[in-house]
Amino acid sequence: MRLDVPSMVITGGAMQAGQHCGKTVVEADLDAARFSGASEEE
C-alpha cells in the first residue's frame, strides 16, 4: 500500500495439526501440559 506498485503476496499456508496420545494437538496445547505438571520428558 505504501509503494503502490502492482503487488501481490504468496502465502506459505497453514501447518497440519499434530497427533499426540490419540488426540489432535496444536502448539498452544504445550502450555496446558506445562502448567498441569508434565515432566520435561513428557
All heavy atoms as atom14 arrays in JSON, in Angstrom:
{
  "sequence": "MRLDVPSMVITGGAMQAGQHCGKTVVEADLDAARFSGASEEE",
  "atom14_mask": [
    [1, 1, 1, 1, 1, 1, 1, 1, 0, 0, 0, 0, 0, 0],
    [1, 1, 1, 1, 1, 1, 1, 1, 1, 1, 1, 0, 0, 0],
    [1, 1, 1, 1, 1, 1, 1, 1, 0, 0, 0, 0, 0, 0],
    [1, 1, 1, 1, 1, 1, 1, 1, 0, 0, 0, 0, 0, 0],
    [1, 1, 1, 1, 1, 1, 1, 0, 0, 0, 0, 0, 0, 0],
    [1, 1, 1, 1, 1, 1, 1, 0, 0, 0, 0, 0, 0, 0],
    [1, 1, 1, 1, 1, 1, 0, 0, 0, 0, 0, 0, 0, 0],
    [1, 1, 1, 1, 1, 1, 1, 1, 0, 0, 0, 0, 0, 0],
    [1, 1, 1, 1, 1, 1, 1, 0, 0, 0, 0, 0, 0, 0],
    [1, 1, 1, 1, 1, 1, 1, 1, 0, 0, 0, 0, 0, 0],
    [1, 1, 1, 1, 1, 1, 1, 0, 0, 0, 0, 0, 0, 0],
    [1, 1, 1, 1, 0, 0, 0, 0, 0, 0, 0, 0, 0, 0],
    [1, 1, 1, 1, 0, 0, 0, 0, 0, 0, 0, 0, 0, 0],
    [1, 1, 1, 1, 1, 0, 0, 0, 0, 0, 0, 0, 0, 0],
    [1, 1, 1, 1, 1, 1, 1, 1, 0, 0, 0, 0, 0, 0],
    [1, 1, 1, 1, 1, 1, 1, 1, 1, 0, 0, 0, 0, 0],
    [1, 1, 1, 1, 1, 0, 0, 0, 0, 0, 0, 0, 0, 0],
    [1, 1, 1, 1, 0, 0, 0, 0, 0, 0, 0, 0, 0, 0],
    [1, 1, 1, 1, 1, 1, 1, 1, 1, 0, 0, 0, 0, 0],
    [1, 1, 1, 1, 1, 1, 1, 1, 1, 1, 0, 0, 0, 0],
    [1, 1, 1, 1, 1, 1, 0, 0, 0, 0, 0, 0, 0, 0],
    [1, 1, 1, 1, 0, 0, 0, 0, 0, 0, 0, 0, 0, 0],
    [1, 1, 1, 1, 1, 1, 1, 1, 1, 0, 0, 0, 0, 0],
    [1, 1, 1, 1, 1, 1, 1, 0, 0, 0, 0, 0, 0, 0],
    [1, 1, 1, 1, 1, 1, 1, 0, 0, 0, 0, 0, 0, 0],
    [1, 1, 1, 1, 1, 1, 1, 0, 0, 0, 0, 0, 0, 0],
    [1, 1, 1, 1, 1, 1, 1, 1, 1, 0, 0, 0, 0, 0],
    [1, 1, 1, 1, 1, 0, 0, 0, 0, 0, 0, 0, 0, 0],
    [1, 1, 1, 1, 1, 1, 1, 1, 0, 0, 0, 0, 0, 0],
    [1, 1, 1, 1, 1, 1, 1, 1, 0, 0, 0, 0, 0, 0],
    [1, 1, 1, 1, 1, 1, 1, 1, 0, 0, 0, 0, 0, 0],
    [1, 1, 1, 1, 1, 0, 0, 0, 0, 0, 0, 0, 0, 0],
    [1, 1, 1, 1, 1, 0, 0, 0, 0, 0, 0, 0, 0, 0],
    [1, 1, 1, 1, 1, 1, 1, 1, 1, 1, 1, 0, 0, 0],
    [1, 1, 1, 1, 1, 1, 1, 1, 1, 1, 1, 0, 0, 0],
    [1, 1, 1, 1, 1, 1, 0, 0, 0, 0, 0, 0, 0, 0],
    [1, 1, 1, 1, 0, 0, 0, 0, 0, 0, 0, 0, 0, 0],
    [1, 1, 1, 1, 1, 0, 0, 0, 0, 0, 0, 0, 0, 0],
    [1, 1, 1, 1, 1, 1, 0, 0, 0, 0, 0, 0, 0, 0],
    [1, 1, 1, 1, 1, 1, 1, 1, 1, 0, 0, 0, 0, 0],
    [1, 1, 1, 1, 1, 1, 1, 1, 1, 0, 0, 0, 0, 0],
    [1, 1, 1, 1, 1, 1, 1, 1, 1, 0, 0, 0, 0, 0]
  ],
  "atom14_positions": [
    [[0.82, -1.21, 0.0], [0.0, 0.0, 0.0], [0.86, 1.26, 0.0], [0.5, 2.27, -0.6], [-0.94, -0.05, 1.19], [-1.91, -1.23, 1.08], [-2.93, -1.45, 2.53], [-3.36, -3.18, 2.39], [0.0, 0.0, 0.0], [0.0, 0.0, 0.0], [0.0, 0.0, 0.0], [0.0, 0.0, 0.0], [0.0, 0.0, 0.0], [0.0, 0.0, 0.0]],
    [[2.0, 1.2, 0.66], [2.88, 2.36, 0.69], [3.53, 2.61, -0.67], [3.6, 3.73, -1.15], [3.97, 2.15, 1.74], [4.97, 3.31, 1.84], [5.91, 3.1, 3.0], [5.17, 3.02, 4.25], [5.68, 2.63, 5.42], [6.95, 2.26, 5.48], [4.94, 2.59, 6.5], [0.0, 0.0, 0.0], [0.0, 0.0, 0.0], [0.0, 0.0, 0.0]],
    [[4.0, 1.54, -1.3], [4.71, 1.68, -2.57], [3.76, 1.94, -3.73], [4.11, 2.61, -4.7], [5.52, 0.41, -2.84], [6.73, 0.22, -1.93], [7.16, -1.23, -1.91], [7.87, 1.12, -2.37], [0.0, 0.0, 0.0], [0.0, 0.0, 0.0], [0.0, 0.0, 0.0], [0.0, 0.0, 0.0], [0.0, 0.0, 0.0], [0.0, 0.0, 0.0]],
    [[2.57, 1.36, -3.64], [1.53, 1.5, -4.67], [2.04, 1.14, -6.06], [1.81, 1.86, -7.04], [0.92, 2.9, -4.65], [-0.48, 2.93, -5.27], [-1.17, 1.9, -5.19], [-0.87, 3.98, -5.83], [0.0, 0.0, 0.0], [0.0, 0.0, 0.0], [0.0, 0.0, 0.0], [0.0, 0.0, 0.0], [0.0, 0.0, 0.0], [0.0, 0.0, 0.0]],
    [[2.76, 0.03, -6.14], [3.09, -0.58, -7.43], [2.3, -1.89, -7.49], [1.92, -2.44, -6.46], [4.6, -0.85, -7.59], [5.39, 0.45, -7.52], [5.1, -1.83, -6.53], [0.0, 0.0, 0.0], [0.0, 0.0, 0.0], [0.0, 0.0, 0.0], [0.0, 0.0, 0.0], [0.0, 0.0, 0.0], [0.0, 0.0, 0.0], [0.0, 0.0, 0.0]],
    [[2.01, -2.41, -8.69], [1.26, -3.66, -8.77], [1.88, -4.73, -7.87], [3.06, -5.06, -8.01], [1.36, -4.02, -10.25], [1.46, -2.69, -10.94], [2.31, -1.85, -10.03], [0.0, 0.0, 0.0], [0.0, 0.0, 0.0], [0.0, 0.0, 0.0], [0.0, 0.0, 0.0], [0.0, 0.0, 0.0], [0.0, 0.0, 0.0], [0.0, 0.0, 0.0]],
    [[1.08, -5.24, -6.95], [1.63, -6.1, -5.89], [0.72, -7.26, -5.56], [-0.51, -7.14, -5.61], [1.86, -5.29, -4.61], [2.74, -4.21, -4.8], [0.0, 0.0, 0.0], [0.0, 0.0, 0.0], [0.0, 0.0, 0.0], [0.0, 0.0, 0.0], [0.0, 0.0, 0.0], [0.0, 0.0, 0.0], [0.0, 0.0, 0.0], [0.0, 0.0, 0.0]],
    [[1.33, -8.35, -5.17], [0.59, -9.48, -4.63], [1.46, -10.21, -3.63], [2.69, -10.01, -3.58], [0.12, -10.41, -5.74], [1.23, -11.05, -6.52], [0.61, -11.96, -7.95], [-0.66, -12.94, -7.2], [0.0, 0.0, 0.0], [0.0, 0.0, 0.0], [0.0, 0.0, 0.0], [0.0, 0.0, 0.0], [0.0, 0.0, 0.0], [0.0, 0.0, 0.0]],
    [[0.82, -11.05, -2.83], [1.53, -11.82, -1.82], [1.19, -13.3, -2.01], [0.04, -13.65, -2.27], [1.15, -11.36, -0.39], [1.83, -12.25, 0.66], [1.55, -9.9, -0.18], [0.0, 0.0, 0.0], [0.0, 0.0, 0.0], [0.0, 0.0, 0.0], [0.0, 0.0, 0.0], [0.0, 0.0, 0.0], [0.0, 0.0, 0.0], [0.0, 0.0, 0.0]],
    [[2.2, -14.14, -1.89], [2.01, -15.58, -1.96], [2.27, -16.11, -0.56], [3.36, -15.95, -0.01], [2.96, -16.24, -2.99], [2.66, -15.71, -4.39], [2.81, -17.75, -2.96], [3.36, -14.43, -4.76], [0.0, 0.0, 0.0], [0.0, 0.0, 0.0], [0.0, 0.0, 0.0], [0.0, 0.0, 0.0], [0.0, 0.0, 0.0], [0.0, 0.0, 0.0]],
    [[1.26, -16.72, 0.05], [1.38, -17.16, 1.44], [2.04, -18.52, 1.54], [2.03, -19.31, 0.59], [-0.01, -17.23, 2.09], [-0.75, -18.32, 1.49], [-0.78, -15.93, 1.92], [0.0, 0.0, 0.0], [0.0, 0.0, 0.0], [0.0, 0.0, 0.0], [0.0, 0.0, 0.0], [0.0, 0.0, 0.0], [0.0, 0.0, 0.0], [0.0, 0.0, 0.0]],
    [[2.56, -18.79, 2.72], [3.19, -20.09, 2.97], [2.21, -21.16, 3.39], [2.56, -22.34, 3.47], [0.0, 0.0, 0.0], [0.0, 0.0, 0.0], [0.0, 0.0, 0.0], [0.0, 0.0, 0.0], [0.0, 0.0, 0.0], [0.0, 0.0, 0.0], [0.0, 0.0, 0.0], [0.0, 0.0, 0.0], [0.0, 0.0, 0.0], [0.0, 0.0, 0.0]],
    [[0.97, -20.78, 3.69], [-0.06, -21.75, 4.05], [-0.04, -22.16, 5.5], [0.75, -21.68, 6.31], [0.0, 0.0, 0.0], [0.0, 0.0, 0.0], [0.0, 0.0, 0.0], [0.0, 0.0, 0.0], [0.0, 0.0, 0.0], [0.0, 0.0, 0.0], [0.0, 0.0, 0.0], [0.0, 0.0, 0.0], [0.0, 0.0, 0.0], [0.0, 0.0, 0.0]],
    [[-0.96, -23.06, 5.82], [-1.16, -23.49, 7.2], [-0.44, -24.8, 7.5], [-0.23, -25.64, 6.62], [-2.66, -23.64, 7.47], [0.0, 0.0, 0.0], [0.0, 0.0, 0.0], [0.0, 0.0, 0.0], [0.0, 0.0, 0.0], [0.0, 0.0, 0.0], [0.0, 0.0, 0.0], [0.0, 0.0, 0.0], [0.0, 0.0, 0.0], [0.0, 0.0, 0.0]],
    [[-0.11, -24.97, 8.76], [0.51, -26.2, 9.26], [-0.55, -27.25, 9.55], [-1.67, -26.92, 9.95], [1.27, -25.86, 10.56], [1.89, -27.04, 11.28], [2.48, -26.57, 12.93], [3.9, -25.56, 12.51], [0.0, 0.0, 0.0], [0.0, 0.0, 0.0], [0.0, 0.0, 0.0], [0.0, 0.0, 0.0], [0.0, 0.0, 0.0], [0.0, 0.0, 0.0]],
    [[-0.21, -28.5, 9.38], [-1.07, -29.59, 9.82], [-1.09, -29.65, 11.35], [-0.09, -29.32, 12.0], [-0.56, -30.94, 9.28], [-0.59, -31.06, 7.78], [-1.99, -31.27, 7.23], [-2.91, -31.62, 7.96], [-2.16, -31.07, 5.93], [0.0, 0.0, 0.0], [0.0, 0.0, 0.0], [0.0, 0.0, 0.0], [0.0, 0.0, 0.0], [0.0, 0.0, 0.0]],
    [[-2.2, -30.04, 11.92], [-2.25, -30.26, 13.37], [-1.47, -31.52, 13.72], [-1.3, -32.42, 12.9], [-3.69, -30.39, 13.83], [0.0, 0.0, 0.0], [0.0, 0.0, 0.0], [0.0, 0.0, 0.0], [0.0, 0.0, 0.0], [0.0, 0.0, 0.0], [0.0, 0.0, 0.0], [0.0, 0.0, 0.0], [0.0, 0.0, 0.0], [0.0, 0.0, 0.0]],
    [[-0.99, -31.59, 14.95], [-0.26, -32.76, 15.4], [-1.17, -33.81, 16.01], [-2.35, -33.56, 16.26], [0.0, 0.0, 0.0], [0.0, 0.0, 0.0], [0.0, 0.0, 0.0], [0.0, 0.0, 0.0], [0.0, 0.0, 0.0], [0.0, 0.0, 0.0], [0.0, 0.0, 0.0], [0.0, 0.0, 0.0], [0.0, 0.0, 0.0], [0.0, 0.0, 0.0]],
    [[-0.63, -34.98, 16.24], [-1.33, -36.06, 16.92], [-0.47, -36.53, 18.09], [0.71, -36.84, 17.92], [-1.6, -37.22, 15.96], [-2.57, -36.9, 14.84], [-3.99, -36.69, 15.35], [-4.46, -37.39, 16.27], [-4.68, -35.72, 14.78], [0.0, 0.0, 0.0], [0.0, 0.0, 0.0], [0.0, 0.0, 0.0], [0.0, 0.0, 0.0], [0.0, 0.0, 0.0]],
    [[-1.08, -36.56, 19.26], [-0.32, -36.97, 20.45], [-1.25, -37.74, 21.38], [-2.31, -37.24, 21.78], [0.25, -35.74, 21.16], [1.02, -36.06, 22.41], [2.17, -36.8, 22.39], [0.78, -35.74, 23.71], [2.64, -36.91, 23.62], [1.81, -36.3, 24.45], [0.0, 0.0, 0.0], [0.0, 0.0, 0.0], [0.0, 0.0, 0.0], [0.0, 0.0, 0.0]],
    [[-0.88, -38.95, 21.71], [-1.67, -39.81, 22.6], [-3.11, -39.94, 22.11], [-4.07, -39.9, 22.9], [-1.64, -39.27, 24.03], [-0.01, -39.28, 24.78], [0.0, 0.0, 0.0], [0.0, 0.0, 0.0], [0.0, 0.0, 0.0], [0.0, 0.0, 0.0], [0.0, 0.0, 0.0], [0.0, 0.0, 0.0], [0.0, 0.0, 0.0], [0.0, 0.0, 0.0]],
    [[-3.26, -40.05, 20.78], [-4.58, -40.26, 20.21], [-5.43, -39.01, 20.09], [-6.6, -39.1, 19.73], [0.0, 0.0, 0.0], [0.0, 0.0, 0.0], [0.0, 0.0, 0.0], [0.0, 0.0, 0.0], [0.0, 0.0, 0.0], [0.0, 0.0, 0.0], [0.0, 0.0, 0.0], [0.0, 0.0, 0.0], [0.0, 0.0, 0.0], [0.0, 0.0, 0.0]],
    [[-4.83, -37.84, 20.37], [-5.59, -36.59, 20.31], [-4.95, -35.63, 19.33], [-3.72, -35.63, 19.14], [-5.66, -35.93, 21.69], [-6.45, -36.71, 22.73], [-6.48, -35.95, 24.05], [-7.27, -36.71, 25.11], [-7.29, -35.98, 26.4], [0.0, 0.0, 0.0], [0.0, 0.0, 0.0], [0.0, 0.0, 0.0], [0.0, 0.0, 0.0], [0.0, 0.0, 0.0]],
    [[-5.8, -34.78, 18.71], [-5.28, -33.71, 17.86], [-4.75, -32.6, 18.75], [-5.42, -32.16, 19.7], [-6.4, -33.15, 16.96], [-6.85, -34.2, 16.09], [-5.89, -31.99, 16.12], [0.0, 0.0, 0.0], [0.0, 0.0, 0.0], [0.0, 0.0, 0.0], [0.0, 0.0, 0.0], [0.0, 0.0, 0.0], [0.0, 0.0, 0.0], [0.0, 0.0, 0.0]],
    [[-3.53, -32.14, 18.48], [-2.92, -31.1, 19.31], [-2.33, -30.01, 18.41], [-1.94, -30.26, 17.27], [-1.8, -31.67, 20.22], [-2.38, -32.55, 21.32], [-0.77, -32.46, 19.4], [0.0, 0.0, 0.0], [0.0, 0.0, 0.0], [0.0, 0.0, 0.0], [0.0, 0.0, 0.0], [0.0, 0.0, 0.0], [0.0, 0.0, 0.0], [0.0, 0.0, 0.0]],
    [[-2.28, -28.81, 18.95], [-1.61, -27.69, 18.3], [-0.59, -27.13, 19.28], [-0.58, -27.49, 20.47], [-2.61, -26.59, 17.87], [-3.54, -27.12, 16.79], [-3.42, -26.06, 19.05], [0.0, 0.0, 0.0], [0.0, 0.0, 0.0], [0.0, 0.0, 0.0], [0.0, 0.0, 0.0], [0.0, 0.0, 0.0], [0.0, 0.0, 0.0], [0.0, 0.0, 0.0]],
    [[0.25, -26.23, 18.8], [1.37, -25.74, 19.61], [0.92, -25.18, 20.95], [1.58, -25.36, 21.98], [2.14, -24.68, 18.8], [3.46, -24.26, 19.4], [3.3, -23.16, 20.43], [2.3, -22.42, 20.37], [4.17, -23.04, 21.32], [0.0, 0.0, 0.0], [0.0, 0.0, 0.0], [0.0, 0.0, 0.0], [0.0, 0.0, 0.0], [0.0, 0.0, 0.0]],
    [[-0.24, -24.5, 20.97], [-0.72, -23.87, 22.2], [-1.01, -24.9, 23.29], [-1.03, -24.56, 24.49], [-1.97, -23.04, 21.91], [0.0, 0.0, 0.0], [0.0, 0.0, 0.0], [0.0, 0.0, 0.0], [0.0, 0.0, 0.0], [0.0, 0.0, 0.0], [0.0, 0.0, 0.0], [0.0, 0.0, 0.0], [0.0, 0.0, 0.0], [0.0, 0.0, 0.0]],
    [[-1.24, -26.17, 22.91], [-1.52, -27.2, 23.91], [-0.32, -27.49, 24.79], [-0.46, -28.09, 25.87], [-1.98, -28.49, 23.22], [-3.35, -28.34, 22.57], [-4.23, -27.71, 23.19], [-3.54, -28.83, 21.44], [0.0, 0.0, 0.0], [0.0, 0.0, 0.0], [0.0, 0.0, 0.0], [0.0, 0.0, 0.0], [0.0, 0.0, 0.0], [0.0, 0.0, 0.0]],
    [[0.87, -27.11, 24.35], [2.06, -27.31, 25.18], [1.95, -26.59, 26.51], [2.41, -27.08, 27.55], [3.31, -26.8, 24.44], [3.94, -27.73, 23.4], [5.01, -26.98, 22.63], [4.54, -28.96, 24.07], [0.0, 0.0, 0.0], [0.0, 0.0, 0.0], [0.0, 0.0, 0.0], [0.0, 0.0, 0.0], [0.0, 0.0, 0.0], [0.0, 0.0, 0.0]],
    [[1.33, -25.4, 26.49], [1.24, -24.61, 27.72], [0.36, -25.28, 28.76], [0.68, -25.31, 29.95], [0.73, -23.21, 27.41], [1.7, -22.42, 26.55], [2.89, -22.39, 26.89], [1.28, -21.87, 25.52], [0.0, 0.0, 0.0], [0.0, 0.0, 0.0], [0.0, 0.0, 0.0], [0.0, 0.0, 0.0], [0.0, 0.0, 0.0], [0.0, 0.0, 0.0]],
    [[-0.78, -25.83, 28.29], [-1.65, -26.54, 29.22], [-0.92, -27.71, 29.85], [-1.02, -27.96, 31.06], [-2.91, -27.02, 28.5], [0.0, 0.0, 0.0], [0.0, 0.0, 0.0], [0.0, 0.0, 0.0], [0.0, 0.0, 0.0], [0.0, 0.0, 0.0], [0.0, 0.0, 0.0], [0.0, 0.0, 0.0], [0.0, 0.0, 0.0], [0.0, 0.0, 0.0]],
    [[-0.14, -28.43, 29.04], [0.62, -29.56, 29.56], [1.68, -29.1, 30.55], [1.9, -29.72, 31.6], [1.26, -30.33, 28.4], [0.0, 0.0, 0.0], [0.0, 0.0, 0.0], [0.0, 0.0, 0.0], [0.0, 0.0, 0.0], [0.0, 0.0, 0.0], [0.0, 0.0, 0.0], [0.0, 0.0, 0.0], [0.0, 0.0, 0.0], [0.0, 0.0, 0.0]],
    [[2.33, -27.99, 30.2], [3.42, -27.48, 31.06], [2.9, -27.1, 32.45], [3.49, -27.44, 33.47], [4.05, -26.27, 30.37], [5.21, -25.64, 31.1], [6.01, -24.75, 30.16], [5.21, -23.7, 29.56], [5.16, -22.45, 30.02], [5.86, -22.1, 31.1], [4.45, -21.53, 29.41], [0.0, 0.0, 0.0], [0.0, 0.0, 0.0], [0.0, 0.0, 0.0]],
    [[1.75, -26.4, 32.48], [1.24, -25.94, 33.77], [0.48, -27.04, 34.52], [0.18, -26.88, 35.71], [0.33, -24.73, 33.57], [1.09, -23.46, 33.28], [1.2, -22.98, 31.99], [1.74, -22.78, 34.29], [1.91, -21.82, 31.71], [2.46, -21.63, 34.04], [2.55, -21.14, 32.74], [0.0, 0.0, 0.0], [0.0, 0.0, 0.0], [0.0, 0.0, 0.0]],
    [[0.16, -28.13, 33.85], [-0.52, -29.22, 34.54], [0.46, -30.15, 35.24], [0.07, -31.15, 35.84], [-1.36, -30.04, 33.55], [-0.52, -30.72, 32.62], [0.0, 0.0, 0.0], [0.0, 0.0, 0.0], [0.0, 0.0, 0.0], [0.0, 0.0, 0.0], [0.0, 0.0, 0.0], [0.0, 0.0, 0.0], [0.0, 0.0, 0.0], [0.0, 0.0, 0.0]],
    [[1.75, -29.81, 35.14], [2.76, -30.58, 35.86], [3.45, -31.63, 35.04], [4.11, -32.52, 35.6], [0.0, 0.0, 0.0], [0.0, 0.0, 0.0], [0.0, 0.0, 0.0], [0.0, 0.0, 0.0], [0.0, 0.0, 0.0], [0.0, 0.0, 0.0], [0.0, 0.0, 0.0], [0.0, 0.0, 0.0], [0.0, 0.0, 0.0], [0.0, 0.0, 0.0]],
    [[3.34, -31.56, 33.72], [4.01, -32.54, 32.86], [5.52, -32.46, 33.06], [6.09, -31.37, 33.24], [3.67, -32.27, 31.39], [0.0, 0.0, 0.0], [0.0, 0.0, 0.0], [0.0, 0.0, 0.0], [0.0, 0.0, 0.0], [0.0, 0.0, 0.0], [0.0, 0.0, 0.0], [0.0, 0.0, 0.0], [0.0, 0.0, 0.0], [0.0, 0.0, 0.0]],
    [[6.17, -33.6, 33.03], [7.63, -33.65, 33.17], [8.29, -33.18, 31.9], [7.66, -33.08, 30.84], [8.07, -35.07, 33.48], [7.84, -35.9, 32.35], [0.0, 0.0, 0.0], [0.0, 0.0, 0.0], [0.0, 0.0, 0.0], [0.0, 0.0, 0.0], [0.0, 0.0, 0.0], [0.0, 0.0, 0.0], [0.0, 0.0, 0.0], [0.0, 0.0, 0.0]],
    [[9.59, -32.9, 31.98], [10.33, -32.47, 30.79], [10.31, -33.58, 29.73], [10.21, -33.29, 28.54], [11.76, -32.1, 31.15], [12.51, -31.51, 29.98], [13.83, -30.86, 30.37], [14.1, -30.76, 31.58], [14.57, -30.47, 29.46], [0.0, 0.0, 0.0], [0.0, 0.0, 0.0], [0.0, 0.0, 0.0], [0.0, 0.0, 0.0], [0.0, 0.0, 0.0]],
    [[10.36, -34.85, 30.17], [10.32, -35.96, 29.22], [8.97, -36.0, 28.5], [8.9, -36.23, 27.28], [10.57, -37.28, 29.95], [12.0, -37.47, 30.45], [12.3, -36.62, 31.7], [11.34, -36.17, 32.37], [13.49, -36.41, 31.99], [0.0, 0.0, 0.0], [0.0, 0.0, 0.0], [0.0, 0.0, 0.0], [0.0, 0.0, 0.0], [0.0, 0.0, 0.0]],
    [[7.88, -35.79, 29.25], [6.54, -35.78, 28.64], [6.39, -34.62, 27.68], [5.8, -34.76, 26.6], [5.48, -35.72, 29.73], [5.36, -36.99, 30.56], [4.48, -36.83, 31.78], [4.48, -35.72, 32.37], [3.8, -37.8, 32.14], [0.0, 0.0, 0.0], [0.0, 0.0, 0.0], [0.0, 0.0, 0.0], [0.0, 0.0, 0.0], [0.0, 0.0, 0.0]]
  ]
}
